[in-house]
Amino acid sequence: MRKAILNPIAMFVIGLLLGGISRLLDIYTQNLGEIFSQMAVWILFGTLISIYSSTKKQAMINILPFCLGMLITYYAVAVLTEGVYNAGYIIGWTVFALCSPILAYFAWMAKEKGIFPKVICCGIIAVSVASSILLFGRLRIYDFIINGLLGYFLFFKRIKR
């Protein structure tokens, strides 16, 4: 089952779906839209894709189409619905997507043994928390839930590779 989902084509399709859903949630639901517009939830998704990929290379190959698919449909739906969107956000998310293979490489390593992987785990959670505070003003209840899930998957959940 994992191989059926964790491949570049499936990741692209899932990214396309989540991008469109995310934009529609922005439009039609205030609370869910707010959650899926924040970086922390995408850090969680990216981390899960990375750590469940079988190799570092596979993590890198899986994450880029996921991020690009998400961006394509998010902004396509924004254009189709004549929604408000900002060039700065498009550039920022595109840079994030293009850097995602490097981030996936390190996220994959977070499940290895040793001190460096634990530093990576702490860094992932720190970036998630910092993004909520610096980019979106403060931590919200769902940020604690997302970061709790990140902590669980990074520090406690065993993953068979």
C-alpha atoms as a PDB file:
ATOM      1  CA  MET A   1       0.000   0.000   0.000  1.00  0.00           C
ATOM      2  CA  ARG A   2       2.809   2.406   0.905  1.00  0.00           C
ATOM      3  CA  LYS A   3       4.470   1.940  -2.518  1.00  0.00           C
ATOM      4  CA  ALA A   4       1.172   2.634  -4.282  1.00  0.00           C
ATOM      5  CA  ILE A   5       0.896   5.997  -2.528  1.00  0.00           C
ATOM      6  CA  LEU A   6       4.542   6.988  -2.121  1.00  0.00           C
ATOM      7  CA  ASN A   7       5.558   7.431  -5.742  1.00  0.00           C
ATOM      8  CA  PRO A   8       5.941  10.667  -7.729  1.00  0.00           C
ATOM      9  CA  ILE A   9       2.775  10.265  -9.808  1.00  0.00           C
ATOM     10  CA  ALA A  10       0.558   9.533  -6.807  1.00  0.00           C
ATOM     11  CA  MET A  11       2.214  12.349  -4.863  1.00  0.00           C
ATOM     12  CA  PHE A  12       1.513  14.775  -7.715  1.00  0.00           C
ATOM     13  CA  VAL A  13      -2.151  13.717  -7.849  1.00  0.00           C
ATOM     14  CA  ILE A  14      -2.487  13.959  -4.059  1.00  0.00           C
ATOM     15  CA  GLY A  15      -0.827  17.391  -4.182  1.00  0.00           C
ATOM     16  CA  LEU A  16      -3.254  18.480  -6.902  1.00  0.00           C
ATOM     17  CA  LEU A  17      -6.213  17.328  -4.818  1.00  0.00           C
ATOM     18  CA  LEU A  18      -4.998  18.873  -1.572  1.00  0.00           C
ATOM     19  CA  GLY A  19      -4.144  22.161  -3.279  1.00  0.00           C
ATOM     20  CA  GLY A  20      -7.638  22.492  -4.707  1.00  0.00           C
ATOM     21  CA  ILE A  21      -9.291  21.386  -1.481  1.00  0.00           C
ATOM     22  CA  SER A  22      -7.128  23.791   0.503  1.00  0.00           C
ATOM     23  CA  ARG A  23      -8.164  26.740  -1.656  1.00  0.00           C
ATOM     24  CA  LEU A  24     -11.834  25.774  -1.490  1.00  0.00           C
ATOM     25  CA  LEU A  25     -11.552  25.513   2.298  1.00  0.00           C
ATOM     26  CA  ASP A  26     -10.081  29.038   2.310  1.00  0.00           C
ATOM     27  CA  ILE A  27     -13.157  30.250   0.477  1.00  0.00           C
ATOM     28  CA  TYR A  28     -15.951  28.305   2.150  1.00  0.00           C
ATOM     29  CA  THR A  29     -14.775  27.506   5.690  1.00  0.00           C
ATOM     30  CA  GLN A  30     -12.979  29.963   7.876  1.00  0.00           C
ATOM     31  CA  ASN A  31     -11.421  27.575  10.414  1.00  0.00           C
ATOM     32  CA  LEU A  32     -10.310  24.759   8.106  1.00  0.00           C
ATOM     33  CA  GLY A  33      -9.191  27.263   5.503  1.00  0.00           C
ATOM     34  CA  GLU A  34      -7.007  28.956   8.051  1.00  0.00           C
ATOM     35  CA  ILE A  35      -5.369  25.683   9.070  1.00  0.00           C
ATOM     36  CA  PHE A  36      -4.528  24.665   5.498  1.00  0.00           C
ATOM     37  CA  SER A  37      -3.161  28.108   4.643  1.00  0.00           C
ATOM     38  CA  GLN A  38      -0.508  27.890   7.335  1.00  0.00           C
ATOM     39  CA  MET A  39       2.922  26.378   6.829  1.00  0.00           C
ATOM     40  CA  ALA A  40       2.822  24.016   9.838  1.00  0.00           C
ATOM     41  CA  VAL A  41       0.318  21.591   8.295  1.00  0.00           C
ATOM     42  CA  TRP A  42       2.379  21.394   5.090  1.00  0.00           C
ATOM     43  CA  ILE A  43       5.520  20.774   7.149  1.00  0.00           C
ATOM     44  CA  LEU A  44       3.645  17.896   8.792  1.00  0.00           C
ATOM     45  CA  PHE A  45       2.552  16.458   5.423  1.00  0.00           C
ATOM     46  CA  GLY A  46       6.038  16.864   3.956  1.00  0.00           C
ATOM     47  CA  THR A  47       7.644  15.254   6.984  1.00  0.00           C
ATOM     48  CA  LEU A  48       5.275  12.283   6.805  1.00  0.00           C
ATOM     49  CA  ILE A  49       5.903  11.821   3.082  1.00  0.00           C
ATOM     50  CA  SER A  50       9.648  11.969   3.718  1.00  0.00           C
ATOM     51  CA  ILE A  51       9.924   9.668   6.707  1.00  0.00           C
ATOM     52  CA  TYR A  52       7.649   7.034   5.179  1.00  0.00           C
ATOM     53  CA  SER A  53       9.580   7.018   1.880  1.00  0.00           C
ATOM     54  CA  SER A  54      11.875   4.012   1.587  1.00  0.00           C
ATOM     55  CA  THR A  55      15.097   5.941   0.823  1.00  0.00           C
ATOM     56  CA  LYS A  56      16.424   9.496   0.985  1.00  0.00           C
ATOM     57  CA  LYS A  57      16.332   9.655  -2.793  1.00  0.00           C
ATOM     58  CA  GLN A  58      12.724   8.464  -2.854  1.00  0.00           C
ATOM     59  CA  ALA A  59      11.790  11.083  -0.241  1.00  0.00           C
ATOM     60  CA  MET A  60      13.294  13.784  -2.462  1.00  0.00           C
ATOM     61  CA  ILE A  61      11.570  12.424  -5.572  1.00  0.00           C
ATOM     62  CA  ASN A  62       8.182  12.167  -3.815  1.00  0.00           C
ATOM     63  CA  ILE A  63       8.017  15.572  -2.185  1.00  0.00           C
ATOM     64  CA  LEU A  64       8.628  17.848  -5.169  1.00  0.00           C
ATOM     65  CA  PRO A  65       5.637  16.688  -7.260  1.00  0.00           C
ATOM     66  CA  PHE A  66       3.463  16.819  -4.138  1.00  0.00           C
ATOM     67  CA  CYS A  67       4.395  20.456  -3.478  1.00  0.00           C
ATOM     68  CA  LEU A  68       4.169  21.501  -7.122  1.00  0.00           C
ATOM     69  CA  GLY A  69       0.796  19.795  -7.535  1.00  0.00           C
ATOM     70  CA  MET A  70      -0.491  21.565  -4.454  1.00  0.00           C
ATOM     71  CA  LEU A  71       0.666  24.956  -5.766  1.00  0.00           C
ATOM     72  CA  ILE A  72      -0.740  24.430  -9.245  1.00  0.00           C
ATOM     73  CA  THR A  73      -4.275  23.699  -8.137  1.00  0.00           C
ATOM     74  CA  TYR A  74      -4.285  26.103  -5.194  1.00  0.00           C
ATOM     75  CA  TYR A  75      -3.537  29.078  -7.432  1.00  0.00           C
ATOM     76  CA  ALA A  76      -5.554  27.724 -10.385  1.00  0.00           C
ATOM     77  CA  VAL A  77      -8.611  27.580  -8.130  1.00  0.00           C
ATOM     78  CA  ALA A  78      -7.755  31.066  -6.836  1.00  0.00           C
ATOM     79  CA  VAL A  79      -7.758  32.375 -10.413  1.00  0.00           C
ATOM     80  CA  LEU A  80     -10.927  30.476 -11.386  1.00  0.00           C
ATOM     81  CA  THR A  81     -12.826  31.729  -8.348  1.00  0.00           C
ATOM     82  CA  GLU A  82     -11.460  35.242  -8.772  1.00  0.00           C
ATOM     83  CA  GLY A  83     -10.036  34.935  -5.283  1.00  0.00           C
ATOM     84  CA  VAL A  84      -7.524  37.161  -3.640  1.00  0.00           C
ATOM     85  CA  TYR A  85      -3.951  35.995  -3.829  1.00  0.00           C
ATOM     86  CA  ASN A  86      -0.634  37.716  -3.456  1.00  0.00           C
ATOM     87  CA  ALA A  87       2.455  37.475  -5.697  1.00  0.00           C
ATOM     88  CA  GLY A  88       4.628  37.418  -2.571  1.00  0.00           C
ATOM     89  CA  TYR A  89       2.888  34.287  -1.325  1.00  0.00           C
ATOM     90  CA  ILE A  90       3.181  32.637  -4.739  1.00  0.00           C
ATOM     91  CA  ILE A  91       6.918  33.337  -4.814  1.00  0.00           C
ATOM     92  CA  GLY A  92       7.390  32.208  -1.216  1.00  0.00           C
ATOM     93  CA  TRP A  93       5.508  28.951  -1.660  1.00  0.00           C
ATOM     94  CA  THR A  94       7.280  28.292  -4.964  1.00  0.00           C
ATOM     95  CA  VAL A  95      10.684  28.748  -3.312  1.00  0.00           C
ATOM     96  CA  PHE A  96       9.529  26.448  -0.512  1.00  0.00           C
ATOM     97  CA  ALA A  97       8.412  23.839  -3.083  1.00  0.00           C
ATOM     98  CA  LEU A  98      11.699  24.035  -4.977  1.00  0.00           C
ATOM     99  CA  CYS A  99      13.659  23.615  -1.730  1.00  0.00           C
ATOM    100  CA  SER A 100      11.449  20.742  -0.597  1.00  0.00           C
ATOM    101  CA  PRO A 101      13.696  17.936  -1.959  1.00  0.00           C
ATOM    102  CA  ILE A 102      16.581  19.141   0.222  1.00  0.00           C
ATOM    103  CA  LEU A 103      14.245  19.427   3.203  1.00  0.00           C
ATOM    104  CA  ALA A 104      12.888  15.934   2.467  1.00  0.00           C
ATOM    105  CA  TYR A 105      16.438  14.546   2.467  1.00  0.00           C
ATOM    106  CA  PHE A 106      17.000  15.842   5.999  1.00  0.00           C
ATOM    107  CA  ALA A 107      13.519  14.894   7.180  1.00  0.00           C
ATOM    108  CA  TRP A 108      14.133  11.311   6.023  1.00  0.00           C
ATOM    109  CA  MET A 109      17.356  11.273   8.055  1.00  0.00           C
ATOM    110  CA  ALA A 110      15.421  12.306  11.177  1.00  0.00           C
ATOM    111  CA  LYS A 111      14.357   8.675  11.682  1.00  0.00           C
ATOM    112  CA  GLU A 112      17.929   7.365  11.741  1.00  0.00           C
ATOM    113  CA  LYS A 113      19.873   6.645  14.938  1.00  0.00           C
ATOM    114  CA  GLY A 114      22.182   9.121  16.596  1.00  0.00           C
ATOM    115  CA  ILE A 115      22.346  12.689  17.806  1.00  0.00           C
ATOM    116  CA  PHE A 116      22.261  14.433  14.416  1.00  0.00           C
ATOM    117  CA  PRO A 117      18.856  12.944  13.538  1.00  0.00           C
ATOM    118  CA  LYS A 118      17.477  14.157  16.890  1.00  0.00           C
ATOM    119  CA  VAL A 119      18.800  17.641  16.110  1.00  0.00           C
ATOM    120  CA  ILE A 120      16.977  17.447  12.773  1.00  0.00           C
ATOM    121  CA  CYS A 121      13.762  16.432  14.589  1.00  0.00           C
ATOM    122  CA  CYS A 122      14.071  19.416  16.922  1.00  0.00           C
ATOM    123  CA  GLY A 123      14.795  21.666  13.941  1.00  0.00           C
ATOM    124  CA  ILE A 124      11.693  20.517  12.059  1.00  0.00           C
ATOM    125  CA  ILE A 125       9.485  21.243  15.045  1.00  0.00           C
ATOM    126  CA  ALA A 126      11.246  24.564  15.717  1.00  0.00           C
ATOM    127  CA  VAL A 127      10.704  25.697  12.109  1.00  0.00           C
ATOM    128  CA  SER A 128       7.059  24.683  12.308  1.00  0.00           C
ATOM    129  CA  VAL A 129       6.548  26.673  15.522  1.00  0.00           C
ATOM    130  CA  ALA A 130       8.557  29.643  14.222  1.00  0.00           C
ATOM    131  CA  SER A 131       6.593  29.732  10.964  1.00  0.00           C
ATOM    132  CA  SER A 132       3.342  29.975  12.896  1.00  0.00           C
ATOM    133  CA  ILE A 133       4.647  32.817  15.028  1.00  0.00           C
ATOM    134  CA  LEU A 134       6.690  34.777  12.483  1.00  0.00           C
ATOM    135  CA  LEU A 135       4.526  34.349   9.387  1.00  0.00           C
ATOM    136  CA  PHE A 136       1.070  34.125  10.911  1.00  0.00           C
ATOM    137  CA  GLY A 137       1.307  36.081  14.147  1.00  0.00           C
ATOM    138  CA  ARG A 138       0.875  33.501  16.865  1.00  0.00           C
ATOM    139  CA  LEU A 139       0.415  29.871  17.834  1.00  0.00           C
ATOM    140  CA  ARG A 140      -3.148  28.628  17.650  1.00  0.00           C
ATOM    141  CA  ILE A 141      -4.662  25.502  19.167  1.00  0.00           C
ATOM    142  CA  TYR A 142      -4.265  23.560  15.928  1.00  0.00           C
ATOM    143  CA  ASP A 143      -0.553  24.496  15.836  1.00  0.00           C
ATOM    144  CA  PHE A 144      -0.118  22.653  19.134  1.00  0.00           C
ATOM    145  CA  ILE A 145      -1.930  19.640  17.667  1.00  0.00           C
ATOM    146  CA  ILE A 146       0.133  19.708  14.461  1.00  0.00           C
ATOM    147  CA  ASN A 147       3.402  20.103  16.356  1.00  0.00           C
ATOM    148  CA  GLY A 148       2.362  17.366  18.783  1.00  0.00           C
ATOM    149  CA  LEU A 149       1.815  15.068  15.797  1.00  0.00           C
ATOM    150  CA  LEU A 150       5.199  16.084  14.401  1.00  0.00           C
ATOM    151  CA  GLY A 151       6.812  15.245  17.755  1.00  0.00           C
ATOM    152  CA  TYR A 152       5.062  11.877  17.884  1.00  0.00           C
ATOM    153  CA  PHE A 153       6.052  10.845  14.358  1.00  0.00           C
ATOM    154  CA  LEU A 154       9.597  12.173  14.671  1.00  0.00           C
ATOM    155  CA  PHE A 155      10.493  10.985  18.167  1.00  0.00           C
ATOM    156  CA  PHE A 156       8.246   8.051  19.031  1.00  0.00           C
ATOM    157  CA  LYS A 157       6.664   6.369  16.004  1.00  0.00           C
ATOM    158  CA  ARG A 158       8.702   3.458  14.674  1.00  0.00           C
ATOM    159  CA  ILE A 159       8.910   3.277  10.910  1.00  0.00           C
ATOM    160  CA  LYS A 160       9.833   0.163   8.976  1.00  0.00           C
ATOM    161  CA  ARG A 161      12.013   0.894   5.995  1.00  0.00           C
END
